[in-house]
């Protein structure tokens, strides 16, 4: 299954391309964004390596992750959405939108689109998201999409020079089918 393109309501998810590195840097190189992620801001070289790695991993068989660009109507990358396959019919969800594009529903649409793909196309049973406890916007996205709070993961990630807890949210295929129809 490569390459894939998945239309959302207001965004499109598509495979990352090497020419996305500059746009990716506006996301993963911005402290306003990475304060909420599980890694520190990346410089240009690290961003290029991240994009190249995602492009390479997308072509593995079997595929172990779907690290996709969130593209606007002009096909410009404004963020990313990721499903990391973690075991038997399970995946971890991640997403980020460039700070200049916050507040337009792009994260919700990207997460909804990739969750739907995970359940309908990949036949997943369970999708989880580990979210920083202070990330009210991302917690709101998870709740809007029907994800349930499971608990707190103590000292879950080391980022920005300190350990940070995460709140674990999940949704099951049966719950998604009731919500999404």
Protein backbone atom coordinates (compact mmCIF):
# COMPACT_ATOMS: atom_id res chain seq x y z
CA UNK A 1 0.00 0.00 0.00
CA UNK A 2 2.31 2.74 -1.17
CA UNK A 3 1.81 5.51 -1.93
CA UNK A 4 -1.50 6.37 -0.31
CA UNK A 5 -3.61 9.50 -0.32
CA UNK A 6 -6.59 9.84 2.01
CA UNK A 7 -8.98 12.75 1.56
CA UNK A 8 -10.37 14.31 4.71
CA UNK A 9 -13.07 16.92 5.10
CA UNK A 10 -10.74 19.94 4.95
CA UNK A 11 -7.28 18.36 4.60
CA UNK A 12 -5.69 15.53 2.66
CA UNK A 13 -3.36 12.96 4.15
CA UNK A 14 -0.61 11.90 1.76
CA UNK A 15 2.78 10.27 1.86
CA UNK A 16 5.67 12.45 2.95
CA UNK A 17 8.03 13.46 0.15
CA UNK A 18 11.65 14.63 0.33
CA UNK A 19 10.54 18.11 -0.81
CA UNK A 20 8.37 18.39 2.34
CA UNK A 21 11.43 18.99 4.54
CA UNK A 22 11.16 22.80 4.54
CA UNK A 23 7.47 22.69 5.44
CA UNK A 24 8.12 19.97 8.02
CA UNK A 25 10.68 22.24 9.68
CA UNK A 26 7.94 24.85 10.30
CA UNK A 27 6.18 22.17 12.36
CA UNK A 28 8.91 20.14 14.12
CA UNK A 29 11.32 23.08 14.38
CA UNK A 30 8.84 25.33 16.17
CA UNK A 31 8.92 25.31 19.99
CA UNK A 32 5.24 26.35 20.06
CA UNK A 33 4.42 23.00 18.43
CA UNK A 34 7.03 20.70 19.95
CA UNK A 35 6.22 21.74 23.51
CA UNK A 36 3.26 19.35 23.08
CA UNK A 37 5.14 16.54 21.28
CA UNK A 38 7.30 13.70 22.58
CA UNK A 39 10.50 15.19 21.15
CA UNK A 40 12.35 18.50 21.24
CA UNK A 41 12.41 20.92 18.32
CA UNK A 42 14.49 19.68 15.41
CA UNK A 43 16.96 21.60 13.27
CA UNK A 44 17.08 21.42 9.49
CA UNK A 45 19.38 18.38 9.33
CA UNK A 46 17.29 16.43 11.84
CA UNK A 47 14.10 17.37 9.98
CA UNK A 48 15.52 16.19 6.65
CA UNK A 49 16.54 12.91 8.33
CA UNK A 50 13.04 12.56 9.85
CA UNK A 51 11.36 13.04 6.45
CA UNK A 52 13.80 10.71 4.67
CA UNK A 53 13.27 8.07 7.36
CA UNK A 54 9.49 8.31 7.04
CA UNK A 55 9.73 8.00 3.25
CA UNK A 56 11.91 4.88 3.60
CA UNK A 57 9.74 3.25 6.28
CA UNK A 58 6.61 3.87 4.19
CA UNK A 59 7.97 1.45 1.62
CA UNK A 60 8.67 -1.42 4.04
CA UNK A 61 6.72 -4.64 3.76
CA UNK A 62 5.00 -5.14 6.05
CA UNK A 63 4.48 -1.48 6.76
CA UNK A 64 4.90 -0.61 10.46
CA UNK A 65 3.80 3.00 10.40
CA UNK A 66 1.73 5.47 8.44
CA UNK A 67 3.53 8.79 8.89
CA UNK A 68 1.58 11.06 6.55
CA UNK A 69 1.70 14.72 5.64
CA UNK A 70 -1.36 16.80 6.46
CA UNK A 71 -1.76 18.83 3.27
CA UNK A 72 -3.93 21.88 2.67
CA UNK A 73 -5.90 22.54 -0.52
CA UNK A 74 -2.70 23.60 -2.33
CA UNK A 75 -1.02 20.25 -1.37
CA UNK A 76 1.38 22.08 0.97
CA UNK A 77 2.33 20.19 4.12
CA UNK A 78 0.97 21.97 7.20
CA UNK A 79 1.41 19.13 9.69
CA UNK A 80 1.55 15.39 10.07
CA UNK A 81 -0.55 12.49 11.29
CA UNK A 82 0.87 9.13 12.28
CA UNK A 83 -0.32 5.66 13.13
CA UNK A 84 2.49 3.55 14.55
CA UNK A 85 1.48 -0.09 14.45
CA UNK A 86 2.22 -1.54 17.89
CA UNK A 87 1.07 -5.12 17.86
CA UNK A 88 -1.82 -7.28 16.90
CA UNK A 89 -4.39 -4.88 15.36
CA UNK A 90 -3.25 -1.93 17.50
CA UNK A 91 -1.68 1.45 16.78
CA UNK A 92 -0.51 4.63 18.47
CA UNK A 93 -1.88 7.87 17.08
CA UNK A 94 0.13 11.06 16.78
CA UNK A 95 -0.51 14.35 15.01
CA UNK A 96 0.75 17.92 14.86
CA UNK A 97 -0.24 21.01 12.93
CA UNK A 98 2.01 24.02 12.33
CA UNK A 99 1.23 26.83 14.78
CA UNK A 100 0.29 29.22 11.97
CA UNK A 101 -2.56 26.85 11.07
CA UNK A 102 -4.02 26.26 14.54
CA UNK A 103 -7.68 26.90 15.20
CA UNK A 104 -9.10 25.74 11.85
CA UNK A 105 -10.02 22.14 12.72
CA UNK A 106 -7.09 20.65 10.81
CA UNK A 107 -5.89 18.47 13.72
CA UNK A 108 -9.38 17.10 14.29
CA UNK A 109 -9.83 16.35 10.60
CA UNK A 110 -6.37 14.77 10.29
CA UNK A 111 -6.89 12.59 13.37
CA UNK A 112 -10.42 11.62 12.27
CA UNK A 113 -9.18 10.73 8.79
CA UNK A 114 -6.27 8.57 9.93
CA UNK A 115 -8.33 6.85 12.66
CA UNK A 116 -10.99 6.00 10.09
CA UNK A 117 -8.30 4.64 7.76
CA UNK A 118 -6.86 2.57 10.60
CA UNK A 119 -10.16 0.93 11.44
CA UNK A 120 -11.64 0.58 7.95
CA UNK A 121 -8.59 -0.21 5.83
CA UNK A 122 -6.02 -1.59 8.27
CA UNK A 123 -8.66 -3.48 10.28
CA UNK A 124 -7.24 -2.27 13.59
CA UNK A 125 -9.01 -3.15 16.82
CA UNK A 126 -7.58 -0.40 19.07
CA UNK A 127 -5.95 3.00 18.63
CA UNK A 128 -4.36 4.92 21.50
CA UNK A 129 -3.05 8.46 21.92
CA UNK A 130 -0.68 9.60 24.68
CA UNK A 131 -1.22 13.34 25.23
CA UNK A 132 0.53 15.79 27.55
CA UNK A 133 -1.79 16.67 30.45
CA UNK A 134 -1.52 20.41 29.71
CA UNK A 135 -2.37 20.03 26.02
CA UNK A 136 -6.03 21.01 26.27
CA UNK A 137 -6.43 21.37 22.50
CA UNK A 138 -5.24 17.84 21.78
CA UNK A 139 -7.29 16.41 24.63
CA UNK A 140 -10.27 18.18 23.06
CA UNK A 141 -9.51 16.53 19.70
CA UNK A 142 -9.37 13.09 21.34
CA UNK A 143 -12.67 13.64 23.16
CA UNK A 144 -14.42 15.01 20.04
CA UNK A 145 -13.42 11.84 18.21
CA UNK A 146 -14.88 9.61 20.91
CA UNK A 147 -11.62 8.54 22.52
CA UNK A 148 -11.91 7.48 26.15
CA UNK A 149 -9.54 8.49 28.95
CA UNK A 150 -7.72 5.45 30.33
CA UNK A 151 -5.25 6.92 32.78
CA UNK A 152 -2.02 8.77 33.38
CA UNK A 153 1.39 7.49 32.25
CA UNK A 154 3.88 8.86 34.76
CA UNK A 155 7.19 10.26 33.46
CA UNK A 156 6.25 8.93 30.04
CA UNK A 157 8.47 11.09 27.80
CA UNK A 158 11.65 13.11 28.27
CA UNK A 159 11.31 16.35 26.38
CA UNK A 160 12.45 19.94 26.82
CA UNK A 161 14.89 18.86 29.53
CA UNK A 162 12.38 17.19 31.83
CA UNK A 163 10.21 14.13 32.24
CA UNK A 164 6.56 14.65 31.36
CA UNK A 165 3.48 12.63 32.13
CA UNK A 166 1.01 11.68 29.41
CA UNK A 167 -2.68 11.03 29.54
CA UNK A 168 -3.68 7.89 27.66
CA UNK A 169 -6.79 7.94 25.47
CA UNK A 170 -8.09 5.11 23.31
CA UNK A 171 -10.87 4.09 20.99
CA UNK A 172 -11.92 0.64 19.82
CA UNK A 173 -13.15 -0.31 16.36
CA UNK A 174 -16.63 -1.09 17.71
CA UNK A 175 -16.87 2.37 19.29
CA UNK A 176 -15.62 4.05 16.11
CA UNK A 177 -18.19 2.20 14.01
CA UNK A 178 -20.98 3.53 16.25
CA UNK A 179 -19.66 7.11 15.95
CA UNK A 180 -18.62 7.14 12.29
CA UNK A 181 -21.38 4.92 10.96
